[in-house]
Amino acid sequence: MRTTFPPAPPGGAPPRPPAPSRVPASPFSGTFQALRHRNFRLWFFGQFLSLVGTWMQTIAQNWLVYDLTGSARDLGLVTFMGAIPLVPLTLHAGAIADRFSKRRIIFAMQAAMMVLAFLLFVLCWTGAVRVWHVMALALLLGAAQALDTPARQAFVVELVGKEDMANAIALNSGIFHGARVIGPAVAGVLVAAVGISGAFFLNGVSFLAVLGALFLMDAALIRRIQGEGKAGDDLLGGIRYIGAHRAPKAIILLIGLSALLAMPYFVLIPVVAKDILGGGADTYGILMSAAGVGAVLGSLFAASGWAIRRKGLALTAGSLSFPLLLLAFSFSRYYILSVCLLTAVGFAFVLQNASANSLLQSIVPDELRGRVMAIYVSLFLGLMRTGGLLLGLLAAATSSSTALAAASVASLAGGAAIFLKFPELRRME
């Protein structure tokens, strides 16, 4: 059938056909875009199963230590043992990740963690376990994680390319926090049903998921990036790059400040649950799950088209709303309100960190990505543990509400000052 148009007016051009109507894209379109890459799909689901196991072990290990010693101090010591290898190893780990195959590094470290999980299972199952065993294994696990984490952070871009990197980072954050919701609940059921050793055994088995995913990846589709020669061996290359460029320096300062002041809030959640809300372990569990649910929702939003196109604005919104919502939580005396506020806190926390991570990786040179992300990870984890200690000391000297409020105000003021000094952060995409 031939389409005809009315004749053109004298001396004029023929009229054009009407333009087809276009439906505006949803702000959430492309939320799962990175899953179109086969290698990332394998990584996504393998990591999720493995992280559920990791959270199961975390809960079971804390229960084991308290069962063996009845000491809250020993719980803190086990956590501290895992932090000892962090700073001395992460700079080397970043250089290693920039020089060698990230896939092989991750495979080796995940296999080492699996062996440690099975060793803890055997010690528990035979009844030979002692608290020093747990501390020694926590130290070895911390060393493996220090070598594994920078490689994992930088590996994502090799799986999906820069075009889907921000989406993949946000989805990665989503599986971490999704596992944080599921793992503790499964661990509680397992410990009650089959004992602590069962949780350690299943964590060991769960590593097979990520090892299998790495093995099944198509190596030809991995966009391998590595430093050459002396550039790959330069341990301080990442530090020099951050010091010489405003945007990465601002992101590192912002996340470091938040990690020291606002992110350790979870340390005081048991105190809030018992002393302020008058609840027990179930109240504590629900509050932590609420933060986890909010974090999953925040990850999905951070993976959406809107947040990816406006990473600077998303970083600003997350960085300022996170301490503001935490300040509101510090004043809450009502259970339902506290649950709702913690859900919002979890959302803002992930919006801040997923946006910061993707922005940093999008601007850093490919050959320096491992070393820059090693600095990011070591500051994030190291300052958060230090902040947890300081927050606990402040709460002991005053109250949990006062400590949370003071930390929130300081984090909000510091974040606002950083955005004023580095206004380009808000406009970055």
Protein backbone atom coordinates (compact mmCIF):
# COMPACT_ATOMS: atom_id res chain seq x y z
CA MET A 1 0.00 0.00 0.00
CA ARG A 2 1.41 3.36 -1.00
CA THR A 3 1.31 6.24 1.43
CA THR A 4 0.46 9.67 -0.02
CA PHE A 5 0.79 13.08 1.56
CA PRO A 6 -1.12 16.25 0.84
CA PRO A 7 0.43 18.39 -1.90
CA ALA A 8 2.98 20.91 -0.79
CA PRO A 9 1.91 24.51 -0.64
CA PRO A 10 3.17 26.63 -3.55
CA GLY A 11 6.89 27.27 -3.20
CA GLY A 12 7.12 25.14 -0.05
CA ALA A 13 8.63 21.79 0.83
CA PRO A 14 6.37 18.76 1.09
CA PRO A 15 5.11 18.17 4.62
CA ARG A 16 6.86 15.49 6.68
CA PRO A 17 5.00 12.52 8.10
CA PRO A 18 4.19 12.86 11.78
CA ALA A 19 6.99 11.65 14.07
CA PRO A 20 6.19 8.45 15.94
CA SER A 21 5.36 9.03 19.57
CA ARG A 22 8.14 7.99 21.94
CA VAL A 23 7.56 6.61 25.39
CA PRO A 24 10.09 8.05 27.84
CA ALA A 25 12.43 5.51 29.32
CA SER A 26 11.71 4.51 32.88
CA PRO A 27 14.24 5.73 35.45
CA PHE A 28 14.69 2.08 36.38
CA SER A 29 15.29 0.87 32.82
CA GLY A 30 18.52 -1.06 32.47
CA THR A 31 18.64 -1.95 36.18
CA PHE A 32 19.94 -5.45 35.34
CA GLN A 33 21.77 -4.45 32.16
CA ALA A 34 25.14 -5.90 33.22
CA LEU A 35 23.59 -9.38 33.40
CA ARG A 36 23.59 -9.50 29.60
CA HIS A 37 27.29 -10.44 29.89
CA ARG A 38 27.66 -14.21 30.38
CA ASN A 39 30.80 -13.91 32.50
CA PHE A 40 29.14 -11.39 34.82
CA ARG A 41 26.06 -13.63 35.19
CA LEU A 42 28.30 -16.46 36.34
CA TRP A 43 30.08 -14.08 38.73
CA PHE A 44 26.81 -12.60 40.04
CA PHE A 45 25.17 -15.88 41.03
CA GLY A 46 28.38 -17.57 42.17
CA GLN A 47 29.25 -14.63 44.40
CA PHE A 48 25.76 -14.50 45.87
CA LEU A 49 25.84 -18.14 47.03
CA SER A 50 29.36 -17.75 48.38
CA LEU A 51 28.48 -14.54 50.27
CA VAL A 52 25.46 -16.19 51.89
CA GLY A 53 27.91 -18.78 53.23
CA THR A 54 30.32 -16.06 54.39
CA TRP A 55 27.59 -14.31 56.40
CA MET A 56 26.57 -17.68 57.86
CA GLN A 57 30.15 -18.24 59.04
CA THR A 58 30.38 -14.72 60.51
CA ILE A 59 27.31 -15.28 62.68
CA ALA A 60 28.28 -18.86 63.64
CA GLN A 61 31.86 -17.80 64.45
CA ASN A 62 30.69 -15.02 66.78
CA TRP A 63 28.36 -17.48 68.50
CA LEU A 64 31.19 -20.03 68.82
CA VAL A 65 33.60 -17.53 70.38
CA TYR A 66 31.00 -16.33 72.88
CA ASP A 67 30.08 -19.95 73.66
CA LEU A 68 33.74 -20.82 74.30
CA THR A 69 34.68 -17.77 76.40
CA GLY A 70 31.57 -15.82 77.37
CA SER A 71 33.65 -12.71 76.72
CA ALA A 72 32.64 -9.73 74.60
CA ARG A 73 36.30 -8.74 74.61
CA ASP A 74 37.21 -11.94 72.77
CA LEU A 75 34.57 -11.19 70.16
CA GLY A 76 36.31 -7.88 69.54
CA LEU A 77 39.72 -9.58 69.45
CA VAL A 78 38.61 -12.00 66.74
CA THR A 79 37.38 -9.09 64.60
CA PHE A 80 40.65 -7.24 65.23
CA MET A 81 42.73 -10.27 64.19
CA GLY A 82 41.02 -10.18 60.80
CA ALA A 83 41.97 -6.50 60.43
CA ILE A 84 45.70 -6.91 61.22
CA PRO A 85 46.79 -8.00 57.69
CA LEU A 86 44.63 -5.37 55.99
CA VAL A 87 46.90 -2.32 55.77
CA PRO A 88 50.30 -4.01 55.19
CA LEU A 89 48.95 -6.31 52.48
CA THR A 90 46.47 -4.18 50.51
CA LEU A 91 49.05 -1.96 48.77
CA HIS A 92 50.92 -5.06 47.64
CA ALA A 93 47.60 -6.66 46.69
CA GLY A 94 46.72 -3.68 44.50
CA ALA A 95 50.04 -3.87 42.66
CA ILE A 96 49.63 -7.63 42.23
CA ALA A 97 46.11 -7.13 40.85
CA ASP A 98 47.42 -4.58 38.32
CA ARG A 99 50.25 -6.87 37.21
CA PHE A 100 48.72 -10.35 37.06
CA SER A 101 45.46 -12.03 36.08
CA LYS A 102 42.76 -10.94 38.52
CA ARG A 103 40.77 -14.07 37.77
CA ARG A 104 43.63 -16.31 38.93
CA ILE A 105 44.28 -14.21 42.04
CA ILE A 106 40.61 -14.40 43.05
CA PHE A 107 40.47 -18.14 42.35
CA ALA A 108 43.53 -18.81 44.53
CA MET A 109 42.29 -16.66 47.44
CA GLN A 110 38.74 -18.06 47.33
CA ALA A 111 40.19 -21.60 47.36
CA ALA A 112 42.32 -20.66 50.39
CA MET A 113 39.25 -19.31 52.20
CA MET A 114 37.38 -22.54 51.43
CA VAL A 115 40.19 -24.58 53.03
CA LEU A 116 40.05 -22.37 56.15
CA ALA A 117 36.28 -22.86 56.41
CA PHE A 118 36.60 -26.65 56.18
CA LEU A 119 39.41 -26.60 58.75
CA LEU A 120 37.19 -24.73 61.20
CA PHE A 121 34.42 -27.27 60.49
CA VAL A 122 36.75 -30.19 61.33
CA LEU A 123 37.92 -28.52 64.56
CA CYS A 124 34.32 -27.94 65.67
CA TRP A 125 33.04 -31.34 64.55
CA THR A 126 35.77 -33.18 66.47
CA GLY A 127 35.35 -30.97 69.55
CA ALA A 128 39.01 -29.90 69.42
CA VAL A 129 38.32 -26.22 68.73
CA ARG A 130 39.76 -23.59 71.07
CA VAL A 131 39.47 -19.83 70.89
CA TRP A 132 43.09 -19.45 69.77
CA HIS A 133 42.26 -21.66 66.77
CA VAL A 134 39.49 -19.25 65.77
CA MET A 135 41.80 -16.24 66.20
CA ALA A 136 44.57 -17.82 64.12
CA LEU A 137 42.13 -18.75 61.37
CA ALA A 138 40.63 -15.23 61.49
CA LEU A 139 44.14 -13.81 60.94
CA LEU A 140 44.72 -16.10 57.93
CA LEU A 141 41.26 -15.30 56.58
CA GLY A 142 41.99 -11.57 56.87
CA ALA A 143 45.22 -12.05 54.90
CA ALA A 144 43.38 -13.91 52.13
CA GLN A 145 40.67 -11.23 52.01
CA ALA A 146 43.30 -8.45 51.87
CA LEU A 147 44.78 -10.04 48.74
CA ASP A 148 41.38 -10.95 47.26
CA THR A 149 39.37 -7.73 47.68
CA PRO A 150 41.32 -5.27 45.46
CA ALA A 151 41.38 -7.85 42.65
CA ARG A 152 37.61 -8.42 43.01
CA GLN A 153 36.88 -4.70 42.99
CA ALA A 154 38.90 -4.16 39.79
CA PHE A 155 37.72 -7.41 38.14
CA VAL A 156 34.18 -6.16 37.49
CA VAL A 157 35.21 -3.79 34.69
CA GLU A 158 37.03 -6.65 32.97
CA LEU A 159 33.79 -8.65 32.93
CA VAL A 160 31.43 -6.00 31.53
CA GLY A 161 33.54 -3.16 30.10
CA LYS A 162 33.25 0.49 31.05
CA GLU A 163 29.83 0.90 29.43
CA ASP A 164 28.16 -1.35 32.03
CA MET A 165 30.63 -0.88 34.88
CA ALA A 166 28.47 1.37 37.08
CA ASN A 167 25.49 -0.97 36.73
CA ALA A 168 27.64 -4.02 37.53
CA ILE A 169 29.16 -2.37 40.63
CA ALA A 170 25.70 -1.51 41.96
CA LEU A 171 24.44 -5.06 41.32
CA ASN A 172 27.56 -6.40 43.04
CA SER A 173 26.64 -4.30 46.06
CA GLY A 174 23.12 -5.68 45.88
CA ILE A 175 24.21 -9.31 46.13
CA PHE A 176 26.47 -8.47 49.08
CA HIS A 177 23.64 -6.90 51.03
CA GLY A 178 21.10 -9.49 49.86
CA ALA A 179 23.39 -12.16 51.29
CA ARG A 180 23.60 -10.09 54.49
CA VAL A 181 19.83 -10.45 54.89
CA ILE A 182 19.68 -14.19 54.10
CA GLY A 183 22.95 -15.51 55.58
CA PRO A 184 22.35 -14.65 59.27
CA ALA A 185 18.80 -16.02 59.15
CA VAL A 186 20.00 -19.32 57.64
CA ALA A 187 22.85 -19.49 60.15
CA GLY A 188 20.43 -19.09 63.07
CA VAL A 189 18.32 -22.00 61.84
CA LEU A 190 21.39 -24.17 61.15
CA VAL A 191 23.02 -23.55 64.52
CA ALA A 192 19.77 -24.47 66.26
CA ALA A 193 19.17 -27.56 64.08
CA VAL A 194 22.59 -29.14 63.46
CA GLY A 195 25.07 -27.15 65.53
CA ILE A 196 27.75 -24.58 64.75
CA SER A 197 29.92 -26.96 62.71
CA GLY A 198 27.14 -27.31 60.08
CA ALA A 199 27.34 -23.60 59.26
CA PHE A 200 31.11 -23.81 58.74
CA PHE A 201 30.71 -26.88 56.50
CA LEU A 202 28.09 -25.19 54.31
CA ASN A 203 30.23 -22.07 54.04
CA GLY A 204 33.06 -24.23 52.75
CA VAL A 205 30.71 -25.81 50.21
CA SER A 206 29.43 -22.38 49.14
CA PHE A 207 32.88 -21.42 47.86
CA LEU A 208 32.46 -24.04 45.15
CA ALA A 209 29.85 -21.74 43.55
CA VAL A 210 32.26 -18.86 42.96
CA LEU A 211 35.15 -21.20 42.08
CA GLY A 212 32.92 -22.92 39.53
CA ALA A 213 31.83 -19.55 38.13
CA LEU A 214 35.45 -18.44 37.67
CA PHE A 215 36.35 -21.78 36.04
CA LEU A 216 33.41 -21.62 33.59
CA MET A 217 34.08 -18.05 32.43
CA ASP A 218 35.04 -17.51 28.81
CA ALA A 219 38.60 -16.16 29.07
CA ALA A 220 38.35 -14.66 25.58
CA LEU A 221 35.59 -12.28 26.79
CA ILE A 222 37.56 -10.98 29.77
CA ARG A 223 38.88 -7.49 28.97
CA ARG A 224 42.16 -8.03 30.76
CA ILE A 225 43.96 -4.90 31.92
CA GLN A 226 47.36 -4.95 33.58
CA GLY A 227 50.32 -2.72 34.23
CA GLU A 228 53.47 -3.37 32.29
CA GLY A 229 57.02 -3.55 33.62
CA LYS A 230 57.94 -1.17 36.41
CA ALA A 231 54.51 0.52 36.27
CA GLY A 232 52.91 -2.67 37.49
CA ASP A 233 55.39 -2.97 40.39
CA ASP A 234 55.02 0.64 41.62
CA LEU A 235 53.32 0.26 45.01
CA LEU A 236 52.81 4.00 45.49
CA GLY A 237 51.43 4.73 42.01
CA GLY A 238 47.85 4.78 43.30
CA ILE A 239 48.71 7.16 46.15
CA ARG A 240 50.49 9.57 43.79
CA TYR A 241 47.57 9.51 41.36
CA ILE A 242 45.02 10.31 44.08
CA GLY A 243 47.21 13.11 45.48
CA ALA A 244 47.58 14.74 42.05
CA HIS A 245 43.91 14.72 40.97
CA ARG A 246 41.02 16.53 42.64
CA ALA A 247 38.11 14.19 41.87
CA PRO A 248 39.58 10.91 43.18
CA LYS A 249 41.03 12.79 46.16
CA ALA A 250 37.56 14.16 46.98
CA ILE A 251 35.92 10.73 46.68
CA ILE A 252 38.54 9.10 48.94
CA LEU A 253 38.19 11.90 51.52
CA LEU A 254 34.41 11.64 51.48
CA ILE A 255 34.30 7.86 51.91
CA GLY A 256 37.08 7.90 54.50
CA LEU A 257 35.21 10.47 56.60
CA SER A 258 31.95 8.55 56.33
CA ALA A 259 33.69 5.26 57.19
CA LEU A 260 35.21 6.77 60.32
CA LEU A 261 32.10 8.58 61.60
CA ALA A 262 28.81 7.27 60.17
CA MET A 263 29.31 3.75 58.84
CA PRO A 264 30.23 2.14 62.21
CA TYR A 265 26.69 2.83 63.49
CA PHE A 266 25.90 -0.91 63.43
CA VAL A 267 28.22 -1.41 66.44
CA LEU A 268 25.62 0.26 68.67
CA ILE A 269 22.50 -1.40 67.23
CA PRO A 270 22.48 -4.15 69.94
CA VAL A 271 22.58 -1.40 72.60
CA VAL A 272 19.74 0.49 70.90
CA ALA A 273 17.67 -2.70 70.63
CA LYS A 274 18.05 -3.59 74.31
CA ASP A 275 18.42 -0.34 76.24
CA ILE A 276 16.38 2.10 74.17
CA LEU A 277 13.71 -0.05 72.52
CA GLY A 278 13.49 -2.57 75.36
CA GLY A 279 13.81 -5.59 73.07
CA GLY A 280 16.00 -8.65 72.83
CA ALA A 281 17.91 -10.58 70.21
CA ASP A 282 14.86 -10.70 67.94
CA THR A 283 14.64 -6.89 67.96
CA TYR A 284 18.34 -6.67 67.14
CA GLY A 285 17.90 -9.11 64.26
CA ILE A 286 14.96 -7.19 62.81
CA LEU A 287 16.81 -3.87 63.00
CA MET A 288 19.82 -5.33 61.19
CA SER A 289 17.57 -6.98 58.60
CA ALA A 290 15.81 -3.64 58.03
CA ALA A 291 19.16 -2.01 57.22
CA GLY A 292 19.92 -4.95 54.91
CA VAL A 293 16.60 -4.65 53.07
CA GLY A 294 17.18 -0.91 52.60
CA ALA A 295 20.66 -1.67 51.28
CA VAL A 296 19.29 -4.11 48.69
CA LEU A 297 16.74 -1.51 47.54
CA GLY A 298 19.50 1.09 47.41
CA SER A 299 21.61 -1.23 45.26
CA LEU A 300 18.77 -1.69 42.77
CA PHE A 301 18.25 2.08 42.61
CA ALA A 302 21.99 2.68 42.18
CA ALA A 303 21.90 0.21 39.27
CA SER A 304 19.08 2.11 37.55
CA GLY A 305 19.55 4.33 34.53
CA TRP A 306 18.93 7.56 36.47
CA ALA A 307 21.59 6.90 39.12
CA ILE A 308 24.14 5.74 36.54
CA ARG A 309 23.64 8.82 34.35
CA ARG A 310 23.88 11.13 37.38
CA LYS A 311 26.50 9.45 39.56
CA GLY A 312 27.70 12.74 41.05
CA LEU A 313 24.18 13.75 42.07
CA ALA A 314 23.52 10.25 43.46
CA LEU A 315 26.76 10.44 45.47
CA THR A 316 25.73 13.83 46.85
CA ALA A 317 22.24 12.64 47.80
CA GLY A 318 23.53 9.47 49.44
CA SER A 319 26.41 11.15 51.30
CA LEU A 320 24.22 13.86 52.86
CA SER A 321 21.05 11.83 53.50
CA PHE A 322 22.95 8.93 55.15
CA PRO A 323 24.14 10.88 58.24
CA LEU A 324 20.94 12.94 58.31
CA LEU A 325 18.78 9.79 58.54
CA LEU A 326 21.19 8.33 61.10
CA LEU A 327 20.77 11.49 63.19
CA ALA A 328 16.98 11.02 63.09
CA PHE A 329 17.45 7.36 64.12
CA SER A 330 19.53 8.40 67.14
CA PHE A 331 16.51 10.32 68.51
CA SER A 332 13.90 7.62 67.82
CA ARG A 333 12.29 5.90 70.80
CA TYR A 334 9.65 3.97 68.84
CA TYR A 335 10.26 0.49 67.42
CA ILE A 336 8.39 0.90 64.10
CA LEU A 337 9.94 4.32 63.46
CA SER A 338 13.42 2.93 64.18
CA VAL A 339 12.86 0.06 61.73
CA CYS A 340 11.71 2.47 59.01
CA LEU A 341 14.60 4.85 59.62
CA LEU A 342 17.18 2.04 59.50
CA THR A 343 15.70 0.85 56.20
CA ALA A 344 16.23 4.37 54.83
CA VAL A 345 19.74 4.47 56.35
CA GLY A 346 20.64 1.24 54.53
CA PHE A 347 19.31 2.69 51.26
CA ALA A 348 21.33 5.91 51.57
CA PHE A 349 24.47 4.04 52.68
CA VAL A 350 24.54 1.94 49.50
CA LEU A 351 23.60 4.87 47.25
CA GLN A 352 26.64 6.71 48.60
CA ASN A 353 29.09 3.83 48.33
CA ALA A 354 27.97 2.32 45.02
CA SER A 355 28.11 5.78 43.40
CA ALA A 356 31.54 6.50 44.89
CA ASN A 357 32.90 3.14 43.76
CA SER A 358 31.64 3.46 40.18
CA LEU A 359 32.77 7.11 39.89
CA LEU A 360 36.25 6.27 41.13
CA GLN A 361 36.62 3.30 38.78
CA SER A 362 35.34 5.31 35.82
CA ILE A 363 37.98 8.03 36.17
CA VAL A 364 41.05 6.07 37.30
CA PRO A 365 43.46 4.89 34.55
CA ASP A 366 43.06 1.22 33.73
CA GLU A 367 46.64 0.35 34.66
CA LEU A 368 46.23 1.88 38.15
CA ARG A 369 42.77 0.54 38.98
CA GLY A 370 43.93 -2.26 41.30
CA ARG A 371 46.19 0.02 43.35
CA VAL A 372 43.64 2.82 43.65
CA MET A 373 40.90 0.37 44.68
CA ALA A 374 43.29 -1.17 47.22
CA ILE A 375 43.60 2.26 48.87
CA TYR A 376 39.83 2.69 48.72
CA VAL A 377 39.21 -0.71 50.32
CA SER A 378 41.87 -0.38 53.03
CA LEU A 379 40.63 3.06 54.08
CA PHE A 380 37.01 1.92 53.96
CA LEU A 381 37.56 -1.16 56.13
CA GLY A 382 40.33 0.20 58.34
CA LEU A 383 38.62 3.47 59.23
CA MET A 384 35.28 1.73 59.77
CA ARG A 385 36.86 -0.60 62.34
CA THR A 386 38.63 2.34 64.00
CA GLY A 387 35.40 4.32 64.00
CA GLY A 388 33.58 1.41 65.62
CA LEU A 389 36.07 1.44 68.50
CA LEU A 390 35.78 5.23 68.92
CA LEU A 391 31.98 5.11 68.73
CA GLY A 392 31.88 2.40 71.40
CA LEU A 393 34.16 4.41 73.70
CA LEU A 394 32.04 7.54 73.22
CA ALA A 395 28.85 5.60 73.92
CA ALA A 396 30.39 4.16 77.11
CA ALA A 397 31.30 7.68 78.28
CA THR A 398 27.91 9.23 77.36
CA SER A 399 25.09 7.14 75.82
CA SER A 400 24.42 5.32 72.56
CA SER A 401 22.01 8.07 71.42
CA THR A 402 24.51 10.83 72.15
CA ALA A 403 27.33 8.96 70.40
CA LEU A 404 25.23 8.28 67.29
CA ALA A 405 24.00 11.88 67.17
CA ALA A 406 27.51 13.33 67.56
CA ALA A 407 28.97 11.05 64.88
CA SER A 408 26.09 11.84 62.51
CA VAL A 409 26.45 15.61 62.91
CA ALA A 410 30.23 15.42 62.41
CA SER A 411 29.81 13.24 59.29
CA LEU A 412 27.13 15.55 57.85
CA ALA A 413 29.22 18.68 58.48
CA GLY A 414 32.36 17.08 57.03
CA GLY A 415 30.53 15.80 53.95
CA ALA A 416 28.97 19.21 53.30
CA ALA A 417 32.41 20.85 53.60
CA ILE A 418 33.90 18.40 51.08
CA PHE A 419 31.11 19.10 48.55
CA LEU A 420 31.65 22.84 48.99
CA LYS A 421 35.41 22.50 48.41
CA PHE A 422 34.96 20.10 45.47
CA PRO A 423 31.77 21.33 43.73
CA GLU A 424 32.66 19.35 40.58
CA LEU A 425 31.68 16.14 42.43
CA ARG A 426 27.97 16.99 42.10
CA ARG A 427 28.24 17.40 38.34
CA MET A 428 30.19 14.25 37.55
CA GLU A 429 28.60 11.52 35.41
